[in-house]
Amino acid sequence: MKYCSSTFVTQSYYPIMLDALITSKTRLKLLIKFFVSASNTGYLRGIAEEFDESTNSIRKELNQLTEAGFLEKKQDQKKVVYRANIDHPLFSPVQKLIHSFLGIDKVVEQVLERAGDVKQVILIGPYAQGLESSKVDIVVQGDALDKEYLKQLAEKTSKIINKKISMQFGNEVSGAHIVVYQKQLSVKEVRPRR
């Protein structure tokens, strides 16, 4: 029997298969949604629509993750808003695991730095359904996007993460999807013009 120290195990030899570790696809999608970016928030009906799933299955998983301390909830008018509990002792390791699983941490950081006025970065396709895939499908929405830069970035990042990155721009998203970044509106943008 051959033993292997975990020090020598790398992602390129043993890809992280979160879908094998976390058998609930709904739970996996929730972990991706909330841990890919600590600023991501969501409420029951919105998440159900985003994931294209029933509110009952979402509610069950939200309750379990909240009871375990991974998520925190806050009443906001008539909605209960959920977000990752950044004070949980396992927040950083889980977030790193999600980033490694997706391979998009580098992509999102670079997109936000140089791509124009990015409003949203949305994960679609198999990963948005909680499934492992050799392809990462991303929709970038915003104004004055540098599409050539984004296409070059997708090509370079594909080589680094060993997954094909398919990037679309400004498309309407339907079906299962996960918003991995959403620009926070400033007070100026929220106030109606007079």
Protein backbone atom coordinates (compact mmCIF):
# COMPACT_ATOMS: atom_id res chain seq x y z
CA MET A 1 0.00 0.00 0.00
CA LYS A 2 1.37 3.40 -1.01
CA TYR A 3 0.98 6.35 1.38
CA CYS A 4 0.98 9.97 0.39
CA SER A 5 1.57 12.86 2.75
CA SER A 6 -1.01 15.63 2.40
CA THR A 7 1.88 18.06 1.97
CA PHE A 8 2.47 16.68 -1.51
CA VAL A 9 -1.15 16.44 -2.63
CA THR A 10 -1.94 19.29 -5.00
CA GLN A 11 -5.10 20.36 -6.74
CA SER A 12 -3.71 19.44 -10.15
CA TYR A 13 -3.33 15.78 -9.11
CA TYR A 14 -6.37 15.45 -6.87
CA PRO A 15 -9.08 17.89 -7.91
CA ILE A 16 -11.35 18.97 -5.12
CA MET A 17 -14.65 17.19 -5.51
CA LEU A 18 -16.96 19.08 -3.20
CA ASP A 19 -19.95 17.42 -4.78
CA ALA A 20 -18.61 14.10 -3.46
CA LEU A 21 -18.04 15.53 0.04
CA ILE A 22 -21.27 17.55 0.19
CA THR A 23 -23.99 15.40 -1.30
CA SER A 24 -26.76 18.00 -1.04
CA LYS A 25 -26.60 20.03 -4.26
CA THR A 26 -28.64 22.78 -2.60
CA ARG A 27 -26.21 23.03 0.32
CA LEU A 28 -23.26 23.12 -2.07
CA LYS A 29 -24.85 25.94 -4.07
CA LEU A 30 -25.54 27.88 -0.87
CA LEU A 31 -21.94 27.47 0.29
CA ILE A 32 -20.72 28.66 -3.10
CA LYS A 33 -23.09 31.65 -3.05
CA PHE A 34 -22.19 32.85 0.42
CA PHE A 35 -18.54 31.86 0.67
CA VAL A 36 -17.27 32.87 -2.77
CA SER A 37 -17.58 36.47 -1.53
CA ALA A 38 -18.23 37.43 2.09
CA SER A 39 -20.34 40.39 0.94
CA ASN A 40 -22.91 38.19 -0.80
CA THR A 41 -26.34 38.18 0.79
CA GLY A 42 -29.64 36.57 -0.06
CA TYR A 43 -33.17 35.97 1.13
CA LEU A 44 -35.29 32.82 0.82
CA ARG A 45 -37.44 33.62 -2.23
CA GLY A 46 -34.60 35.35 -4.08
CA ILE A 47 -32.30 32.37 -3.58
CA ALA A 48 -35.05 29.95 -4.63
CA GLU A 49 -35.50 31.89 -7.88
CA GLU A 50 -31.74 32.22 -8.41
CA PHE A 51 -31.18 28.47 -7.93
CA ASP A 52 -34.42 27.51 -9.68
CA GLU A 53 -35.42 25.37 -6.68
CA SER A 54 -38.31 25.18 -4.23
CA THR A 55 -38.38 27.44 -1.19
CA ASN A 56 -38.76 24.35 1.04
CA SER A 57 -35.43 22.82 0.00
CA ILE A 58 -33.69 26.20 0.32
CA ARG A 59 -35.28 26.87 3.74
CA LYS A 60 -34.15 23.48 5.09
CA GLU A 61 -30.52 24.05 4.06
CA LEU A 62 -30.49 27.70 5.20
CA ASN A 63 -31.76 26.60 8.62
CA GLN A 64 -29.11 23.87 8.94
CA LEU A 65 -26.27 26.17 7.88
CA THR A 66 -27.53 28.90 10.24
CA GLU A 67 -27.85 26.47 13.18
CA ALA A 68 -24.29 25.26 12.49
CA GLY A 69 -23.12 28.89 12.62
CA PHE A 70 -21.91 29.09 9.00
CA LEU A 71 -24.57 31.65 8.10
CA GLU A 72 -26.07 34.51 10.03
CA LYS A 73 -29.49 36.00 9.42
CA LYS A 74 -30.89 39.47 9.93
CA GLN A 75 -34.41 40.81 9.62
CA ASP A 76 -34.58 43.51 6.92
CA GLN A 77 -38.11 44.92 6.78
CA LYS A 78 -40.23 41.91 5.75
CA LYS A 79 -37.31 39.73 4.57
CA VAL A 80 -34.81 37.63 6.45
CA VAL A 81 -31.42 38.25 4.83
CA TYR A 82 -28.67 35.62 5.07
CA ARG A 83 -24.91 36.05 4.74
CA ALA A 84 -21.78 34.11 5.60
CA ASN A 85 -20.73 34.35 9.24
CA ILE A 86 -17.21 35.72 8.84
CA ASP A 87 -16.59 35.22 12.57
CA HIS A 88 -17.09 31.44 12.32
CA PRO A 89 -13.75 29.68 13.00
CA LEU A 90 -14.08 27.74 9.73
CA PHE A 91 -15.02 30.71 7.55
CA SER A 92 -11.56 31.15 5.98
CA PRO A 93 -10.91 27.44 5.34
CA VAL A 94 -14.38 26.96 3.80
CA GLN A 95 -13.95 30.06 1.65
CA LYS A 96 -10.55 28.83 0.43
CA LEU A 97 -12.08 25.45 -0.35
CA ILE A 98 -14.88 27.07 -2.37
CA HIS A 99 -12.39 29.27 -4.23
CA SER A 100 -10.23 26.24 -5.06
CA PHE A 101 -13.28 24.24 -6.11
CA LEU A 102 -14.40 26.96 -8.51
CA GLY A 103 -10.99 28.17 -9.56
CA ILE A 104 -12.50 31.60 -10.08
CA ASP A 105 -11.02 33.54 -7.18
CA LYS A 106 -8.26 34.86 -9.43
CA VAL A 107 -10.73 35.63 -12.21
CA VAL A 108 -13.12 37.70 -10.06
CA GLU A 109 -10.29 39.70 -8.43
CA GLN A 110 -8.74 40.59 -11.80
CA VAL A 111 -12.10 41.29 -13.45
CA LEU A 112 -12.98 43.82 -10.77
CA GLU A 113 -9.60 45.54 -10.96
CA ARG A 114 -9.39 46.26 -14.68
CA ALA A 115 -12.55 45.35 -16.57
CA GLY A 116 -14.62 48.53 -16.43
CA ASP A 117 -17.72 49.27 -14.38
CA VAL A 118 -18.69 45.71 -13.39
CA LYS A 119 -22.19 45.48 -11.89
CA GLN A 120 -22.41 41.69 -11.48
CA VAL A 121 -20.40 38.55 -12.03
CA ILE A 122 -22.71 35.53 -12.31
CA LEU A 123 -21.81 31.87 -12.32
CA ILE A 124 -24.03 29.75 -14.60
CA GLY A 125 -23.89 26.22 -15.97
CA PRO A 126 -22.90 23.07 -14.05
CA TYR A 127 -21.19 24.88 -11.13
CA ALA A 128 -24.34 26.94 -10.53
CA GLN A 129 -26.14 23.61 -10.21
CA GLY A 130 -23.56 22.36 -7.69
CA LEU A 131 -21.89 19.99 -10.15
CA GLU A 132 -18.18 19.48 -10.87
CA SER A 133 -17.18 20.43 -14.41
CA SER A 134 -14.14 21.06 -16.56
CA LYS A 135 -15.77 24.32 -17.71
CA VAL A 136 -16.62 27.47 -15.73
CA ASP A 137 -19.44 29.55 -17.27
CA ILE A 138 -19.48 33.21 -16.22
CA VAL A 139 -21.69 36.16 -17.17
CA VAL A 140 -20.23 39.63 -16.58
CA GLN A 141 -22.73 42.50 -16.52
CA GLY A 142 -21.79 46.17 -16.43
CA ASP A 143 -21.08 49.35 -18.33
CA ALA A 144 -18.08 50.14 -20.55
CA LEU A 145 -16.64 46.64 -20.08
CA ASP A 146 -13.22 45.94 -21.60
CA LYS A 147 -14.35 42.76 -23.38
CA GLU A 148 -11.00 42.13 -25.09
CA TYR A 149 -9.22 42.27 -21.75
CA LEU A 150 -11.80 39.93 -20.21
CA LYS A 151 -11.45 37.42 -23.06
CA GLN A 152 -7.64 37.44 -22.69
CA LEU A 153 -8.01 37.06 -18.93
CA ALA A 154 -10.35 34.08 -19.37
CA GLU A 155 -7.86 32.41 -21.69
CA LYS A 156 -4.90 32.97 -19.33
CA THR A 157 -6.84 31.90 -16.24
CA SER A 158 -8.09 28.76 -18.01
CA LYS A 159 -4.50 27.58 -18.27
CA ILE A 160 -3.81 28.29 -14.59
CA ILE A 161 -6.88 26.50 -13.21
CA ASN A 162 -7.00 23.74 -15.84
CA LYS A 163 -10.63 24.53 -16.66
CA LYS A 164 -12.12 26.20 -19.71
CA ILE A 165 -13.67 29.56 -18.88
CA SER A 166 -16.63 30.63 -20.98
CA MET A 167 -17.39 34.31 -20.50
CA GLN A 168 -20.53 36.07 -21.69
CA PHE A 169 -21.40 39.75 -21.40
CA GLY A 170 -24.56 41.49 -20.28
CA ASN A 171 -26.88 38.60 -21.02
CA GLU A 172 -30.12 38.10 -19.13
CA VAL A 173 -29.70 35.11 -16.85
CA SER A 174 -32.44 32.53 -16.37
CA GLY A 175 -32.41 29.17 -14.66
CA ALA A 176 -29.90 28.19 -11.98
CA HIS A 177 -27.22 30.81 -11.38
CA ILE A 178 -25.13 32.17 -8.52
CA VAL A 179 -24.24 35.84 -8.20
CA VAL A 180 -20.57 35.75 -7.11
CA TYR A 181 -20.19 39.53 -7.13
CA GLN A 182 -22.68 42.37 -7.03
CA LYS A 183 -21.65 46.00 -6.93
CA GLN A 184 -22.96 47.80 -3.89
CA LEU A 185 -24.88 50.91 -4.88
CA SER A 186 -23.64 54.15 -3.42
CA VAL A 187 -26.05 56.60 -1.78
CA LYS A 188 -25.83 58.75 -4.93
CA GLU A 189 -26.94 55.88 -7.15
CA VAL A 190 -29.86 54.91 -4.88
CA ARG A 191 -31.42 58.37 -4.60
CA PRO A 192 -33.89 59.22 -7.35
CA ARG A 193 -33.10 62.30 -9.44
CA ARG A 194 -35.24 65.34 -9.00
